[in-house]
């Protein structure tokens, strides 16, 4: 994987995090720890994962309801 490709992957993942945060906000859901997983960025050629984080039972219910709509 080239450095250019890796940079593109990170940029794409950052954009997806923004999109997901906005979509969740529209549904009244906030995941404070939503971000890129730092461990997946530490590789020589990063292949980023998105960290959704932990949430309360109520937030999990809201996510389930939003997905089922």
Protein backbone atom coordinates (compact mmCIF):
# COMPACT_ATOMS: atom_id res chain seq x y z
CA UNK A 1 0.00 0.00 0.00
CA UNK A 2 1.46 3.35 -0.98
CA UNK A 3 1.61 6.35 1.32
CA UNK A 4 -0.79 8.16 -0.99
CA UNK A 5 -3.32 5.33 -0.81
CA UNK A 6 -2.98 5.16 2.99
CA UNK A 7 -3.57 8.92 3.25
CA UNK A 8 -6.67 8.57 1.08
CA UNK A 9 -7.96 5.79 3.35
CA UNK A 10 -7.52 7.98 6.43
CA UNK A 11 -9.22 10.95 4.76
CA UNK A 12 -12.11 8.75 3.66
CA UNK A 13 -12.50 7.34 7.17
CA UNK A 14 -12.50 10.86 8.66
CA UNK A 15 -15.25 11.87 6.24
CA UNK A 16 -17.31 8.80 7.13
CA UNK A 17 -17.00 9.65 10.83
CA UNK A 18 -18.39 13.13 10.08
CA UNK A 19 -21.24 11.66 8.02
CA UNK A 20 -22.11 9.11 10.70
CA UNK A 21 -21.97 11.73 13.46
CA UNK A 22 -24.34 13.96 11.47
CA UNK A 23 -26.73 11.09 10.69
CA UNK A 24 -26.81 10.02 14.33
CA UNK A 25 -27.42 13.62 15.42
CA UNK A 26 -30.45 13.81 13.10
CA UNK A 27 -31.81 10.76 14.91
CA UNK A 28 -31.13 12.40 18.28
CA UNK A 29 -28.21 10.10 19.04
CA UNK A 30 -24.75 11.13 20.24
CA UNK A 31 -21.77 8.80 20.54
CA UNK A 32 -19.13 10.94 22.29
CA UNK A 33 -16.30 8.52 21.57
CA UNK A 34 -17.09 8.17 17.85
CA UNK A 35 -13.72 8.62 16.13
CA UNK A 36 -10.96 6.84 14.27
CA UNK A 37 -9.38 3.95 16.13
CA UNK A 38 -5.85 5.13 17.01
CA UNK A 39 -4.41 1.60 16.99
CA UNK A 40 -5.47 1.07 13.38
CA UNK A 41 -3.76 4.35 12.46
CA UNK A 42 -0.47 3.32 14.05
CA UNK A 43 0.41 0.85 11.30
CA UNK A 44 3.04 1.74 8.72
CA UNK A 45 0.28 1.74 6.10
CA UNK A 46 -2.85 2.74 8.02
CA UNK A 47 -6.10 0.96 7.33
CA UNK A 48 -8.36 2.91 9.67
CA UNK A 49 -11.17 1.42 11.67
CA UNK A 50 -13.95 3.54 13.12
CA UNK A 51 -14.36 3.37 16.88
CA UNK A 52 -18.02 3.59 17.81
CA UNK A 53 -17.31 3.38 21.52
CA UNK A 54 -19.49 2.36 24.39
CA UNK A 55 -22.96 3.73 24.99
CA UNK A 56 -25.79 3.56 27.49
CA UNK A 57 -28.67 1.13 27.18
CA UNK A 58 -30.96 4.01 26.16
CA UNK A 59 -28.57 5.08 23.39
CA UNK A 60 -28.36 1.48 22.15
CA UNK A 61 -32.17 1.35 22.01
CA UNK A 62 -32.25 4.59 20.03
CA UNK A 63 -29.70 3.25 17.57
CA UNK A 64 -31.68 0.03 17.14
CA UNK A 65 -34.89 1.98 16.55
CA UNK A 66 -33.17 4.24 14.01
CA UNK A 67 -31.75 1.28 12.11
CA UNK A 68 -35.14 -0.43 11.99
CA UNK A 69 -36.88 2.62 10.47
